[in-house]
Amino acid sequence: MEIMDSMIDDKFIFGSVLIVSNQMDTLLGRELQEHDLTTKQWLLIIVIENSFDHDPSIKEVAKAMGSSHQNVKQVALKLEKKGFLLLEKDKNDARVLRIKLTDRINVFAKESQLKAENFTRKLFKNISKEEMTATRSLLEKMLFNLAEMEKEIN
C-alpha cells in the first residue's frame, strides 16, 4: 500500500481504472461462461438494450461502445451464431448492417438476473450515494476527454 499511497491521484486513478476493468472482466467472464458469452459479447448486448430504441447499425453500436466497426462486427457475428441477435441489411441502404436482438436475450436475462444483481450489489458494497455520484461525474468527464482525444487523432 505504501507505493499506492505515494502515487499522485491521476496516476492512481488511471492505474486503478485499468485494474478494476481487468478484475471485473475476469469475474464477469467466469459468470458468463455458463451462458457461452464473453464480457465483450455481453457488453454489446447491454449497450444495444440500454442505448437504442431501434435496431441500431453496427456503426452506431461501435460509437456507443467506443470501439471500432470491425470489432463490433466480429462480436456481433459470434452472437448471431449463438442465436442472440440477427444481422440484417438496412431496408433503405444495403451497405448498412443493423443489429436486431432475438428473444434469446429475454431468456438469458431471466436466467442471469439474480446473479447480475448479486454481482452488482457486491461490487458497490460500502459505497455511498455521494461517492457513486462523484464517480459517475468523474467517469463522464473522462469519457468526454477520451472522445475529444479520439477526434484529435482522426
C-alpha atoms as a PDB file:
ATOM      1  CA  MET A   1       0.000   0.000   0.000  1.00  0.00           C
ATOM      2  CA  GLU A   2       2.925   2.384   0.552  1.00  0.00           C
ATOM      3  CA  ILE A   3       3.550   2.673  -3.172  1.00  0.00           C
ATOM      4  CA  MET A   4      -0.124   3.399  -3.862  1.00  0.00           C
ATOM      5  CA  ASP A   5      -0.283   5.948  -1.049  1.00  0.00           C
ATOM      6  CA  SER A   6       2.593   7.910  -2.565  1.00  0.00           C
ATOM      7  CA  MET A   7       1.174   7.965  -6.094  1.00  0.00           C
ATOM      8  CA  ILE A   8      -0.312  11.156  -7.452  1.00  0.00           C
ATOM      9  CA  ASP A   9      -4.116  10.949  -7.735  1.00  0.00           C
ATOM     10  CA  ASP A  10      -4.234  10.948 -11.536  1.00  0.00           C
ATOM     11  CA  LYS A  11      -1.734   8.090 -11.800  1.00  0.00           C
ATOM     12  CA  PHE A  12      -3.538   6.143  -9.097  1.00  0.00           C
ATOM     13  CA  ILE A  13      -6.915   6.649 -10.783  1.00  0.00           C
ATOM     14  CA  PHE A  14      -5.525   5.793 -14.215  1.00  0.00           C
ATOM     15  CA  GLY A  15      -3.951   2.552 -12.969  1.00  0.00           C
ATOM     16  CA  SER A  16      -6.918   1.669 -10.787  1.00  0.00           C
ATOM     17  CA  VAL A  17      -9.400   2.056 -13.655  1.00  0.00           C
ATOM     18  CA  LEU A  18      -7.327  -0.442 -15.664  1.00  0.00           C
ATOM     19  CA  ILE A  19      -7.025  -2.852 -12.731  1.00  0.00           C
ATOM     20  CA  VAL A  20     -10.735  -2.622 -11.869  1.00  0.00           C
ATOM     21  CA  SER A  21     -11.568  -3.195 -15.523  1.00  0.00           C
ATOM     22  CA  ASN A  22      -9.359  -6.293 -15.690  1.00  0.00           C
ATOM     23  CA  GLN A  23     -10.730  -7.726 -12.455  1.00  0.00           C
ATOM     24  CA  MET A  24     -14.334  -7.068 -13.466  1.00  0.00           C
ATOM     25  CA  ASP A  25     -13.658  -8.655 -16.864  1.00  0.00           C
ATOM     26  CA  THR A  26     -12.215 -11.760 -15.200  1.00  0.00           C
ATOM     27  CA  LEU A  27     -15.002 -12.188 -12.625  1.00  0.00           C
ATOM     28  CA  LEU A  28     -17.805 -11.362 -15.034  1.00  0.00           C
ATOM     29  CA  GLY A  29     -16.275 -13.666 -17.626  1.00  0.00           C
ATOM     30  CA  ARG A  30     -16.480 -16.549 -15.167  1.00  0.00           C
ATOM     31  CA  GLU A  31     -20.151 -15.814 -14.519  1.00  0.00           C
ATOM     32  CA  LEU A  32     -20.949 -15.581 -18.239  1.00  0.00           C
ATOM     33  CA  GLN A  33     -19.208 -18.843 -19.178  1.00  0.00           C
ATOM     34  CA  GLU A  34     -22.282 -20.896 -18.344  1.00  0.00           C
ATOM     35  CA  HIS A  35     -24.200 -18.868 -20.956  1.00  0.00           C
ATOM     36  CA  ASP A  36     -21.405 -19.252 -23.539  1.00  0.00           C
ATOM     37  CA  LEU A  37     -20.824 -15.484 -23.568  1.00  0.00           C
ATOM     38  CA  THR A  38     -17.717 -13.350 -23.233  1.00  0.00           C
ATOM     39  CA  THR A  39     -17.751  -9.999 -21.467  1.00  0.00           C
ATOM     40  CA  LYS A  40     -17.396  -8.200 -24.814  1.00  0.00           C
ATOM     41  CA  GLN A  41     -20.408 -10.074 -26.180  1.00  0.00           C
ATOM     42  CA  TRP A  42     -22.391  -9.291 -23.035  1.00  0.00           C
ATOM     43  CA  LEU A  43     -21.391  -5.622 -23.221  1.00  0.00           C
ATOM     44  CA  LEU A  44     -22.565  -5.379 -26.834  1.00  0.00           C
ATOM     45  CA  ILE A  45     -25.957  -6.781 -25.810  1.00  0.00           C
ATOM     46  CA  ILE A  46     -26.215  -4.394 -22.830  1.00  0.00           C
ATOM     47  CA  VAL A  47     -25.281  -1.364 -24.936  1.00  0.00           C
ATOM     48  CA  ILE A  48     -27.911  -2.220 -27.551  1.00  0.00           C
ATOM     49  CA  GLU A  49     -30.603  -2.859 -24.925  1.00  0.00           C
ATOM     50  CA  ASN A  50     -29.904   0.335 -22.995  1.00  0.00           C
ATOM     51  CA  SER A  51     -28.817   2.834 -25.637  1.00  0.00           C
ATOM     52  CA  PHE A  52     -31.211   2.347 -28.539  1.00  0.00           C
ATOM     53  CA  ASP A  53     -34.956   2.293 -29.117  1.00  0.00           C
ATOM     54  CA  HIS A  54     -34.448   0.924 -32.627  1.00  0.00           C
ATOM     55  CA  ASP A  55     -32.351  -1.756 -34.311  1.00  0.00           C
ATOM     56  CA  PRO A  56     -29.014   0.064 -34.446  1.00  0.00           C
ATOM     57  CA  SER A  57     -26.409  -0.134 -37.160  1.00  0.00           C
ATOM     58  CA  ILE A  58     -23.000  -1.597 -36.423  1.00  0.00           C
ATOM     59  CA  LYS A  59     -21.598   1.921 -36.788  1.00  0.00           C
ATOM     60  CA  GLU A  60     -23.991   3.275 -34.141  1.00  0.00           C
ATOM     61  CA  VAL A  61     -23.111   0.496 -31.696  1.00  0.00           C
ATOM     62  CA  ALA A  62     -19.385   0.948 -32.318  1.00  0.00           C
ATOM     63  CA  LYS A  63     -19.695   4.642 -31.481  1.00  0.00           C
ATOM     64  CA  ALA A  64     -21.726   3.923 -28.324  1.00  0.00           C
ATOM     65  CA  MET A  65     -19.170   1.339 -27.167  1.00  0.00           C
ATOM     66  CA  GLY A  66     -16.119   3.395 -28.079  1.00  0.00           C
ATOM     67  CA  SER A  67     -14.994   0.560 -30.318  1.00  0.00           C
ATOM     68  CA  SER A  68     -14.235   0.030 -33.968  1.00  0.00           C
ATOM     69  CA  HIS A  69     -16.754  -1.024 -36.611  1.00  0.00           C
ATOM     70  CA  GLN A  70     -14.652  -4.129 -37.289  1.00  0.00           C
ATOM     71  CA  ASN A  71     -14.524  -5.203 -33.620  1.00  0.00           C
ATOM     72  CA  VAL A  72     -18.268  -4.752 -33.155  1.00  0.00           C
ATOM     73  CA  LYS A  73     -18.983  -6.693 -36.341  1.00  0.00           C
ATOM     74  CA  GLN A  74     -16.795  -9.608 -35.194  1.00  0.00           C
ATOM     75  CA  VAL A  75     -18.515  -9.756 -31.804  1.00  0.00           C
ATOM     76  CA  ALA A  76     -21.945  -9.444 -33.455  1.00  0.00           C
ATOM     77  CA  LEU A  77     -21.181 -12.289 -35.875  1.00  0.00           C
ATOM     78  CA  LYS A  78     -20.334 -14.559 -32.922  1.00  0.00           C
ATOM     79  CA  LEU A  79     -23.530 -13.553 -31.131  1.00  0.00           C
ATOM     80  CA  GLU A  80     -25.514 -14.218 -34.291  1.00  0.00           C
ATOM     81  CA  LYS A  81     -24.106 -17.770 -34.430  1.00  0.00           C
ATOM     82  CA  LYS A  82     -25.205 -18.246 -30.807  1.00  0.00           C
ATOM     83  CA  GLY A  83     -28.719 -17.013 -31.602  1.00  0.00           C
ATOM     84  CA  PHE A  84     -28.626 -13.808 -29.531  1.00  0.00           C
ATOM     85  CA  LEU A  85     -29.041 -11.434 -32.461  1.00  0.00           C
ATOM     86  CA  LEU A  86     -29.579 -11.119 -36.196  1.00  0.00           C
ATOM     87  CA  LEU A  87     -27.590  -9.009 -38.616  1.00  0.00           C
ATOM     88  CA  GLU A  88     -29.868  -7.608 -41.293  1.00  0.00           C
ATOM     89  CA  LYS A  89     -29.226  -5.242 -44.190  1.00  0.00           C
ATOM     90  CA  ASP A  90     -30.921  -1.875 -43.802  1.00  0.00           C
ATOM     91  CA  LYS A  91     -34.089  -1.562 -45.896  1.00  0.00           C
ATOM     92  CA  ASN A  92     -33.012   1.829 -47.274  1.00  0.00           C
ATOM     93  CA  ASP A  93     -29.263   1.255 -47.624  1.00  0.00           C
ATOM     94  CA  ALA A  94     -27.955  -2.265 -48.271  1.00  0.00           C
ATOM     95  CA  ARG A  95     -24.450  -1.207 -47.202  1.00  0.00           C
ATOM     96  CA  VAL A  96     -25.653  -0.716 -43.619  1.00  0.00           C
ATOM     97  CA  LEU A  97     -25.954  -3.721 -41.300  1.00  0.00           C
ATOM     98  CA  ARG A  98     -28.492  -3.433 -38.498  1.00  0.00           C
ATOM     99  CA  ILE A  99     -28.380  -5.454 -35.291  1.00  0.00           C
ATOM    100  CA  LYS A 100     -31.634  -6.977 -34.092  1.00  0.00           C
ATOM    101  CA  LEU A 101     -31.725  -8.731 -30.721  1.00  0.00           C
ATOM    102  CA  THR A 102     -33.602 -12.032 -30.611  1.00  0.00           C
ATOM    103  CA  ASP A 103     -35.879 -13.475 -27.934  1.00  0.00           C
ATOM    104  CA  ARG A 104     -32.917 -15.474 -26.641  1.00  0.00           C
ATOM    105  CA  ILE A 105     -31.880 -12.239 -24.885  1.00  0.00           C
ATOM    106  CA  ASN A 106     -35.020 -12.413 -22.726  1.00  0.00           C
ATOM    107  CA  VAL A 107     -34.254 -15.999 -21.712  1.00  0.00           C
ATOM    108  CA  PHE A 108     -30.683 -15.038 -20.862  1.00  0.00           C
ATOM    109  CA  ALA A 109     -31.893 -12.027 -18.843  1.00  0.00           C
ATOM    110  CA  LYS A 110     -34.292 -14.148 -16.789  1.00  0.00           C
ATOM    111  CA  GLU A 111     -31.644 -16.821 -16.161  1.00  0.00           C
ATOM    112  CA  SER A 112     -28.946 -14.355 -15.137  1.00  0.00           C
ATOM    113  CA  GLN A 113     -30.884 -11.572 -13.394  1.00  0.00           C
ATOM    114  CA  LEU A 114     -30.318 -12.773  -9.817  1.00  0.00           C
ATOM    115  CA  LYS A 115     -26.599 -13.350 -10.385  1.00  0.00           C
ATOM    116  CA  ALA A 116     -26.266  -9.941 -12.033  1.00  0.00           C
ATOM    117  CA  GLU A 117     -27.986  -8.244  -9.097  1.00  0.00           C
ATOM    118  CA  ASN A 118     -25.724 -10.067  -6.618  1.00  0.00           C
ATOM    119  CA  PHE A 119     -22.599  -9.194  -8.606  1.00  0.00           C
ATOM    120  CA  THR A 120     -23.557  -5.514  -8.741  1.00  0.00           C
ATOM    121  CA  ARG A 121     -24.561  -5.384  -5.072  1.00  0.00           C
ATOM    122  CA  LYS A 122     -21.228  -6.898  -4.008  1.00  0.00           C
ATOM    123  CA  LEU A 123     -19.228  -4.658  -6.352  1.00  0.00           C
ATOM    124  CA  PHE A 124     -20.764  -1.458  -4.976  1.00  0.00           C
ATOM    125  CA  LYS A 125     -20.968  -2.576  -1.321  1.00  0.00           C
ATOM    126  CA  ASN A 126     -19.989   0.155   1.175  1.00  0.00           C
ATOM    127  CA  ILE A 127     -20.014   2.875  -1.496  1.00  0.00           C
ATOM    128  CA  SER A 128     -22.239   5.824  -0.607  1.00  0.00           C
ATOM    129  CA  LYS A 129     -24.673   7.596  -2.911  1.00  0.00           C
ATOM    130  CA  GLU A 130     -22.397  10.639  -2.832  1.00  0.00           C
ATOM    131  CA  GLU A 131     -19.388   8.556  -3.860  1.00  0.00           C
ATOM    132  CA  MET A 132     -21.399   6.988  -6.676  1.00  0.00           C
ATOM    133  CA  THR A 133     -22.481  10.435  -7.900  1.00  0.00           C
ATOM    134  CA  ALA A 134     -18.923  11.786  -7.781  1.00  0.00           C
ATOM    135  CA  THR A 135     -17.569   8.702  -9.551  1.00  0.00           C
ATOM    136  CA  ARG A 136     -20.214   8.957 -12.256  1.00  0.00           C
ATOM    137  CA  SER A 137     -19.271  12.597 -12.805  1.00  0.00           C
ATOM    138  CA  LEU A 138     -15.574  11.726 -12.989  1.00  0.00           C
ATOM    139  CA  LEU A 139     -16.154   8.886 -15.452  1.00  0.00           C
ATOM    140  CA  GLU A 140     -18.416  11.023 -17.646  1.00  0.00           C
ATOM    141  CA  LYS A 141     -15.678  13.660 -17.837  1.00  0.00           C
ATOM    142  CA  MET A 142     -13.050  11.023 -18.605  1.00  0.00           C
ATOM    143  CA  LEU A 143     -15.254   9.592 -21.374  1.00  0.00           C
ATOM    144  CA  PHE A 144     -15.739  13.078 -22.801  1.00  0.00           C
ATOM    145  CA  ASN A 145     -11.987  13.718 -22.720  1.00  0.00           C
ATOM    146  CA  LEU A 146     -11.321  10.389 -24.438  1.00  0.00           C
ATOM    147  CA  ALA A 147     -13.817  11.303 -27.159  1.00  0.00           C
ATOM    148  CA  GLU A 148     -12.016  14.634 -27.638  1.00  0.00           C
ATOM    149  CA  MET A 149      -8.673  12.823 -27.841  1.00  0.00           C
ATOM    150  CA  GLU A 150     -10.129  10.478 -30.450  1.00  0.00           C
ATOM    151  CA  LYS A 151     -11.259  13.469 -32.536  1.00  0.00           C
ATOM    152  CA  GLU A 152      -7.728  14.890 -32.408  1.00  0.00           C
ATOM    153  CA  ILE A 153      -6.306  11.621 -33.760  1.00  0.00           C
ATOM    154  CA  ASN A 154      -8.847  11.347 -36.573  1.00  0.00           C
END
